[in-house]
Amino acid sequence: MCRQDLLAEIGTRFSNLEQSRTYTVAMFLDPRYKLYFENENIADATKKHIVNLVTAMINESERNQSAASTSVSPSPGKKSNSLLWKHYNKQMHNIRPAGTANSRAIIETQKYLDDTVLSPDQNPLE
């Protein structure tokens, strides 16, 4: 009787847990669970949300790199050195990873999902 009451209460209190974006993202990013969701639609929505977050991070990183490469100003006493860095920055500016930020985010997310799922007794931080 007590066990049934406990199970019923747990079911009631945690029935909408998968509706929490914080919970689903945390579960997705835990290498012990990844896409272990009761509802496949929630798993797909969470994966899409993660891809969007990674895309935003890639875009932000590229903006920061672009701003850093254009804001490098030569020191007045180091003309030969500044020409070298100017050439370096110009060459590196042209080297970009293939694909859009979104396609690269999809690939990174899929690589994560393809990694082995840890057993529940393993520490995900190790």
N, C-alpha and C. Protein backbone atom coordinates (compact mmCIF):
# COMPACT_ATOMS: atom_id res chain seq x y z
N MET A 1 0.81 -1.19 0.00
CA MET A 1 0.00 0.00 0.00
C MET A 1 0.86 1.26 0.00
N CYS A 2 1.82 1.31 0.91
CA CYS A 2 2.69 2.47 1.01
C CYS A 2 3.51 2.63 -0.28
N ARG A 3 3.96 1.50 -0.83
CA ARG A 3 4.75 1.53 -2.06
C ARG A 3 3.91 2.07 -3.22
N GLN A 4 2.68 1.64 -3.32
CA GLN A 4 1.80 2.11 -4.39
C GLN A 4 1.53 3.60 -4.25
N ASP A 5 1.34 4.05 -3.02
CA ASP A 5 1.12 5.47 -2.79
C ASP A 5 2.34 6.29 -3.21
N LEU A 6 3.52 5.80 -2.86
CA LEU A 6 4.76 6.49 -3.24
C LEU A 6 4.91 6.54 -4.75
N LEU A 7 4.71 5.44 -5.41
CA LEU A 7 4.82 5.42 -6.86
C LEU A 7 3.80 6.34 -7.52
N ALA A 8 2.60 6.37 -6.99
CA ALA A 8 1.56 7.26 -7.53
C ALA A 8 1.96 8.72 -7.36
N GLU A 9 2.50 9.06 -6.20
CA GLU A 9 2.95 10.44 -5.94
C GLU A 9 4.11 10.83 -6.84
N ILE A 10 5.06 9.92 -7.00
CA ILE A 10 6.19 10.19 -7.89
C ILE A 10 5.68 10.42 -9.31
N GLY A 11 4.77 9.56 -9.75
CA GLY A 11 4.20 9.71 -11.08
C GLY A 11 3.50 11.04 -11.26
N THR A 12 2.77 11.47 -10.24
CA THR A 12 2.04 12.73 -10.30
C THR A 12 3.00 13.93 -10.30
N ARG A 13 3.95 13.90 -9.40
CA ARG A 13 4.85 15.05 -9.24
C ARG A 13 5.83 15.21 -10.40
N PHE A 14 6.25 14.12 -11.00
CA PHE A 14 7.26 14.19 -12.04
C PHE A 14 6.73 13.87 -13.43
N SER A 15 5.42 13.85 -13.59
CA SER A 15 4.85 13.49 -14.89
C SER A 15 5.17 14.53 -15.97
N ASN A 16 5.32 15.78 -15.60
CA ASN A 16 5.59 16.84 -16.58
C ASN A 16 7.05 17.25 -16.61
N LEU A 17 7.91 16.44 -16.05
CA LEU A 17 9.32 16.80 -15.97
C LEU A 17 9.94 16.99 -17.35
N GLU A 18 9.56 16.16 -18.30
CA GLU A 18 10.12 16.28 -19.64
C GLU A 18 9.64 17.54 -20.38
N GLN A 19 8.73 18.28 -19.79
CA GLN A 19 8.28 19.54 -20.38
C GLN A 19 9.24 20.68 -20.03
N SER A 20 10.12 20.45 -19.08
CA SER A 20 11.07 21.47 -18.64
C SER A 20 12.28 21.49 -19.59
N ARG A 21 12.52 22.63 -20.20
CA ARG A 21 13.65 22.76 -21.13
C ARG A 21 14.98 22.55 -20.40
N THR A 22 15.08 23.06 -19.18
CA THR A 22 16.30 22.89 -18.40
C THR A 22 16.57 21.41 -18.15
N TYR A 23 15.55 20.69 -17.77
CA TYR A 23 15.69 19.26 -17.51
C TYR A 23 16.10 18.50 -18.78
N THR A 24 15.44 18.78 -19.89
CA THR A 24 15.71 18.02 -21.11
C THR A 24 17.12 18.33 -21.65
N VAL A 25 17.54 19.57 -21.56
CA VAL A 25 18.90 19.92 -22.00
C VAL A 25 19.93 19.24 -21.10
N ALA A 26 19.71 19.29 -19.79
CA ALA A 26 20.64 18.65 -18.86
C ALA A 26 20.71 17.14 -19.11
N MET A 27 19.58 16.54 -19.36
CA MET A 27 19.55 15.10 -19.61
C MET A 27 20.26 14.77 -20.92
N PHE A 28 20.01 15.57 -21.94
CA PHE A 28 20.65 15.37 -23.24
C PHE A 28 22.17 15.48 -23.12
N LEU A 29 22.64 16.44 -22.34
CA LEU A 29 24.08 16.67 -22.21
C LEU A 29 24.76 15.73 -21.23
N ASP A 30 24.00 14.93 -20.50
CA ASP A 30 24.57 13.94 -19.60
C ASP A 30 24.89 12.70 -20.43
N PRO A 31 26.18 12.34 -20.56
CA PRO A 31 26.54 11.21 -21.44
C PRO A 31 26.03 9.85 -20.96
N ARG A 32 25.36 9.82 -19.82
CA ARG A 32 24.75 8.57 -19.37
C ARG A 32 23.36 8.39 -19.95
N TYR A 33 22.74 9.47 -20.43
CA TYR A 33 21.34 9.39 -20.89
C TYR A 33 21.13 9.85 -22.32
N LYS A 34 21.72 10.96 -22.72
CA LYS A 34 21.60 11.54 -24.05
C LYS A 34 20.14 11.63 -24.50
N LEU A 35 19.69 10.69 -25.30
CA LEU A 35 18.32 10.75 -25.83
C LEU A 35 17.39 9.74 -25.16
N TYR A 36 17.60 9.49 -23.90
CA TYR A 36 16.76 8.55 -23.17
C TYR A 36 15.52 9.29 -22.65
N PHE A 37 14.58 9.51 -23.53
CA PHE A 37 13.33 10.19 -23.20
C PHE A 37 12.17 9.24 -23.44
N GLU A 38 11.13 9.39 -22.66
CA GLU A 38 9.92 8.58 -22.86
C GLU A 38 9.23 8.96 -24.16
N ASN A 39 9.25 10.24 -24.49
CA ASN A 39 8.54 10.75 -25.65
C ASN A 39 9.55 11.09 -26.75
N GLU A 40 9.41 10.47 -27.91
CA GLU A 40 10.34 10.69 -29.01
C GLU A 40 10.28 12.13 -29.54
N ASN A 41 9.11 12.75 -29.48
CA ASN A 41 8.97 14.14 -29.92
C ASN A 41 9.79 15.08 -29.05
N ILE A 42 9.81 14.79 -27.75
CA ILE A 42 10.61 15.62 -26.83
C ILE A 42 12.09 15.41 -27.11
N ALA A 43 12.49 14.19 -27.41
CA ALA A 43 13.89 13.91 -27.76
C ALA A 43 14.30 14.69 -29.01
N ASP A 44 13.45 14.68 -30.03
CA ASP A 44 13.74 15.40 -31.27
C ASP A 44 13.78 16.91 -31.04
N ALA A 45 12.84 17.42 -30.27
CA ALA A 45 12.81 18.86 -29.98
C ALA A 45 14.04 19.28 -29.19
N THR A 46 14.47 18.43 -28.26
CA THR A 46 15.66 18.75 -27.47
C THR A 46 16.90 18.75 -28.35
N LYS A 47 17.00 17.79 -29.24
CA LYS A 47 18.15 17.73 -30.16
C LYS A 47 18.18 18.98 -31.03
N LYS A 48 17.04 19.40 -31.54
CA LYS A 48 16.98 20.62 -32.36
C LYS A 48 17.38 21.85 -31.54
N HIS A 49 16.95 21.89 -30.30
CA HIS A 49 17.31 23.01 -29.42
C HIS A 49 18.82 23.04 -29.19
N ILE A 50 19.42 21.88 -28.96
CA ILE A 50 20.87 21.80 -28.77
C ILE A 50 21.60 22.26 -30.03
N VAL A 51 21.13 21.83 -31.18
CA VAL A 51 21.74 22.26 -32.45
C VAL A 51 21.67 23.78 -32.57
N ASN A 52 20.54 24.37 -32.21
CA ASN A 52 20.39 25.83 -32.26
C ASN A 52 21.36 26.51 -31.29
N LEU A 53 21.54 25.95 -30.11
CA LEU A 53 22.48 26.52 -29.13
C LEU A 53 23.91 26.44 -29.65
N VAL A 54 24.27 25.31 -30.24
CA VAL A 54 25.63 25.15 -30.77
C VAL A 54 25.83 26.08 -31.97
N THR A 55 24.82 26.24 -32.81
CA THR A 55 24.90 27.16 -33.94
C THR A 55 25.16 28.58 -33.45
N ALA A 56 24.44 29.00 -32.42
CA ALA A 56 24.64 30.34 -31.85
C ALA A 56 26.05 30.49 -31.30
N MET A 57 26.57 29.45 -30.67
CA MET A 57 27.94 29.50 -30.14
C MET A 57 28.97 29.62 -31.27
N ILE A 58 28.77 28.88 -32.35
CA ILE A 58 29.68 28.95 -33.50
C ILE A 58 29.63 30.35 -34.11
N ASN A 59 28.43 30.88 -34.30
CA ASN A 59 28.29 32.23 -34.86
C ASN A 59 28.97 33.27 -33.98
N GLU A 60 28.78 33.17 -32.68
CA GLU A 60 29.41 34.11 -31.74
C GLU A 60 30.92 33.99 -31.79
N SER A 61 31.42 32.78 -31.85
CA SER A 61 32.87 32.56 -31.93
C SER A 61 33.44 33.16 -33.21
N GLU A 62 32.75 32.98 -34.31
CA GLU A 62 33.21 33.54 -35.58
C GLU A 62 33.17 35.07 -35.57
N ARG A 63 32.15 35.65 -34.95
CA ARG A 63 32.09 37.11 -34.83
C ARG A 63 33.26 37.62 -34.01
N ASN A 64 33.56 36.93 -32.91
CA ASN A 64 34.67 37.35 -32.06
C ASN A 64 36.01 37.22 -32.77
N GLN A 65 36.19 36.13 -33.53
CA GLN A 65 37.43 35.95 -34.28
C GLN A 65 37.56 37.00 -35.37
N SER A 66 36.46 37.31 -36.03
CA SER A 66 36.48 38.32 -37.09
C SER A 66 36.80 39.69 -36.51
N ALA A 67 36.20 40.01 -35.38
CA ALA A 67 36.46 41.30 -34.74
C ALA A 67 37.91 41.38 -34.25
N ALA A 68 38.44 40.28 -33.75
CA ALA A 68 39.82 40.27 -33.26
C ALA A 68 40.80 40.43 -34.40
N SER A 69 40.53 39.81 -35.54
CA SER A 69 41.47 39.90 -36.66
C SER A 69 41.44 41.28 -37.30
N THR A 70 40.31 41.97 -37.29
CA THR A 70 40.24 43.30 -37.88
C THR A 70 40.68 44.39 -36.91
N SER A 71 40.69 44.09 -35.63
CA SER A 71 41.05 45.12 -34.66
C SER A 71 42.53 45.07 -34.27
N VAL A 72 43.31 44.17 -34.90
CA VAL A 72 44.74 44.12 -34.60
C VAL A 72 45.40 45.33 -35.24
N SER A 73 45.92 46.20 -34.42
CA SER A 73 46.58 47.38 -34.95
C SER A 73 48.08 47.24 -34.76
N PRO A 74 48.85 47.61 -35.77
CA PRO A 74 50.29 47.45 -35.68
C PRO A 74 50.90 48.43 -34.68
N SER A 75 51.93 47.96 -34.01
CA SER A 75 52.67 48.83 -33.09
C SER A 75 53.58 49.71 -33.93
N PRO A 76 53.77 50.97 -33.53
CA PRO A 76 54.55 51.89 -34.35
C PRO A 76 56.00 51.44 -34.56
N GLY A 77 56.62 50.81 -33.59
CA GLY A 77 58.03 50.45 -33.69
C GLY A 77 58.27 49.10 -34.33
N LYS A 78 57.26 48.36 -34.68
CA LYS A 78 57.43 47.00 -35.19
C LYS A 78 56.82 46.85 -36.58
N LYS A 79 57.35 47.60 -37.52
CA LYS A 79 56.79 47.58 -38.86
C LYS A 79 56.94 46.22 -39.53
N SER A 80 58.12 45.60 -39.49
CA SER A 80 58.31 44.32 -40.16
C SER A 80 57.47 43.24 -39.50
N ASN A 81 57.36 43.31 -38.19
CA ASN A 81 56.54 42.35 -37.47
C ASN A 81 55.06 42.54 -37.81
N SER A 82 54.61 43.77 -37.93
CA SER A 82 53.20 44.02 -38.22
C SER A 82 52.84 43.55 -39.62
N LEU A 83 53.76 43.65 -40.57
CA LEU A 83 53.49 43.15 -41.92
C LEU A 83 53.32 41.64 -41.90
N LEU A 84 54.14 40.97 -41.11
CA LEU A 84 54.03 39.53 -40.98
C LEU A 84 52.67 39.15 -40.39
N TRP A 85 52.26 39.84 -39.31
CA TRP A 85 50.97 39.54 -38.68
C TRP A 85 49.81 39.92 -39.58
N LYS A 86 49.96 40.99 -40.33
CA LYS A 86 48.90 41.40 -41.25
C LYS A 86 48.69 40.31 -42.31
N HIS A 87 49.82 39.79 -42.84
CA HIS A 87 49.74 38.70 -43.83
C HIS A 87 49.13 37.45 -43.19
N TYR A 88 49.56 37.13 -41.98
CA TYR A 88 49.04 35.97 -41.27
C TYR A 88 47.53 36.10 -41.06
N ASN A 89 47.10 37.24 -40.56
CA ASN A 89 45.67 37.47 -40.32
C ASN A 89 44.86 37.39 -41.61
N LYS A 90 45.43 37.91 -42.70
CA LYS A 90 44.73 37.85 -43.98
C LYS A 90 44.57 36.40 -44.44
N GLN A 91 45.64 35.61 -44.31
CA GLN A 91 45.57 34.21 -44.71
C GLN A 91 44.60 33.43 -43.83
N MET A 92 44.67 33.65 -42.53
CA MET A 92 43.81 32.91 -41.61
C MET A 92 42.35 33.33 -41.74
N HIS A 93 42.11 34.57 -42.13
CA HIS A 93 40.74 35.04 -42.31
C HIS A 93 40.06 34.28 -43.45
N ASN A 94 40.85 33.89 -44.45
CA ASN A 94 40.30 33.16 -45.60
C ASN A 94 40.07 31.69 -45.30
N ILE A 95 40.69 31.17 -44.23
CA ILE A 95 40.52 29.76 -43.88
C ILE A 95 39.33 29.64 -42.95
N ARG A 96 38.31 29.04 -43.42
CA ARG A 96 37.08 28.82 -42.63
C ARG A 96 36.71 27.36 -42.71
N PRO A 97 36.17 26.82 -41.64
CA PRO A 97 35.68 25.44 -41.71
C PRO A 97 34.58 25.34 -42.76
N ALA A 98 34.49 24.19 -43.38
CA ALA A 98 33.49 23.97 -44.43
C ALA A 98 32.10 23.92 -43.82
N GLY A 99 31.15 24.43 -44.56
CA GLY A 99 29.75 24.36 -44.13
C GLY A 99 29.30 25.59 -43.37
N THR A 100 28.00 25.66 -43.21
CA THR A 100 27.42 26.75 -42.44
C THR A 100 27.55 26.45 -40.96
N ALA A 101 27.29 27.45 -40.15
CA ALA A 101 27.33 27.24 -38.70
C ALA A 101 26.32 26.17 -38.30
N ASN A 102 25.16 26.18 -38.92
CA ASN A 102 24.12 25.21 -38.59
C ASN A 102 24.54 23.79 -38.98
N SER A 103 25.12 23.63 -40.16
CA SER A 103 25.53 22.28 -40.58
C SER A 103 26.66 21.77 -39.69
N ARG A 104 27.57 22.65 -39.28
CA ARG A 104 28.65 22.24 -38.39
C ARG A 104 28.10 21.88 -37.01
N ALA A 105 27.07 22.60 -36.57
CA ALA A 105 26.44 22.29 -35.28
C ALA A 105 25.76 20.92 -35.33
N ILE A 106 25.11 20.63 -36.44
CA ILE A 106 24.45 19.33 -36.60
C ILE A 106 25.50 18.21 -36.55
N ILE A 107 26.62 18.42 -37.22
CA ILE A 107 27.69 17.41 -37.23
C ILE A 107 28.25 17.21 -35.82
N GLU A 108 28.51 18.31 -35.10
CA GLU A 108 29.04 18.19 -33.74
C GLU A 108 28.07 17.48 -32.81
N THR A 109 26.80 17.82 -32.94
CA THR A 109 25.79 17.18 -32.09
C THR A 109 25.70 15.69 -32.41
N GLN A 110 25.76 15.35 -33.69
CA GLN A 110 25.70 13.94 -34.06
C GLN A 110 26.93 13.18 -33.58
N LYS A 111 28.10 13.82 -33.63
CA LYS A 111 29.31 13.18 -33.10
C LYS A 111 29.14 12.86 -31.63
N TYR A 112 28.56 13.81 -30.89
CA TYR A 112 28.31 13.59 -29.46
C TYR A 112 27.36 12.41 -29.27
N LEU A 113 26.30 12.36 -30.05
CA LEU A 113 25.33 11.27 -29.91
C LEU A 113 25.92 9.93 -30.32
N ASP A 114 26.87 9.94 -31.26
CA ASP A 114 27.48 8.70 -31.71
C ASP A 114 28.48 8.14 -30.69
N ASP A 115 28.96 8.99 -29.78
CA ASP A 115 29.85 8.50 -28.73
C ASP A 115 29.11 7.50 -27.85
N THR A 116 29.87 6.64 -27.23
CA THR A 116 29.29 5.61 -26.37
C THR A 116 28.52 6.23 -25.21
N VAL A 117 27.37 5.66 -24.93
CA VAL A 117 26.59 6.09 -23.78
C VAL A 117 27.23 5.45 -22.55
N LEU A 118 27.48 6.26 -21.52
CA LEU A 118 28.08 5.74 -20.29
C LEU A 118 27.04 4.96 -19.51
N SER A 119 27.51 4.02 -18.73
CA SER A 119 26.58 3.30 -17.86
C SER A 119 26.17 4.22 -16.70
N PRO A 120 25.00 4.03 -16.14
CA PRO A 120 24.51 4.92 -15.09
C PRO A 120 25.40 5.00 -13.85
N ASP A 121 26.22 3.98 -13.61
CA ASP A 121 27.08 4.03 -12.44
C ASP A 121 28.41 4.75 -12.69
N GLN A 122 28.67 5.16 -13.93
CA GLN A 122 29.90 5.90 -14.25
C GLN A 122 29.72 7.38 -13.96
N ASN A 123 30.82 8.03 -13.56
CA ASN A 123 30.80 9.46 -13.30
C ASN A 123 30.98 10.19 -14.64
N PRO A 124 30.01 10.98 -15.08
CA PRO A 124 30.12 11.65 -16.37
C PRO A 124 31.19 12.73 -16.40
N LEU A 125 31.68 13.16 -15.24
CA LEU A 125 32.70 14.21 -15.21
C LEU A 125 34.12 13.66 -15.37
N GLU A 126 34.24 12.35 -15.32
CA GLU A 126 35.58 11.76 -15.49
C GLU A 126 35.86 11.45 -16.95
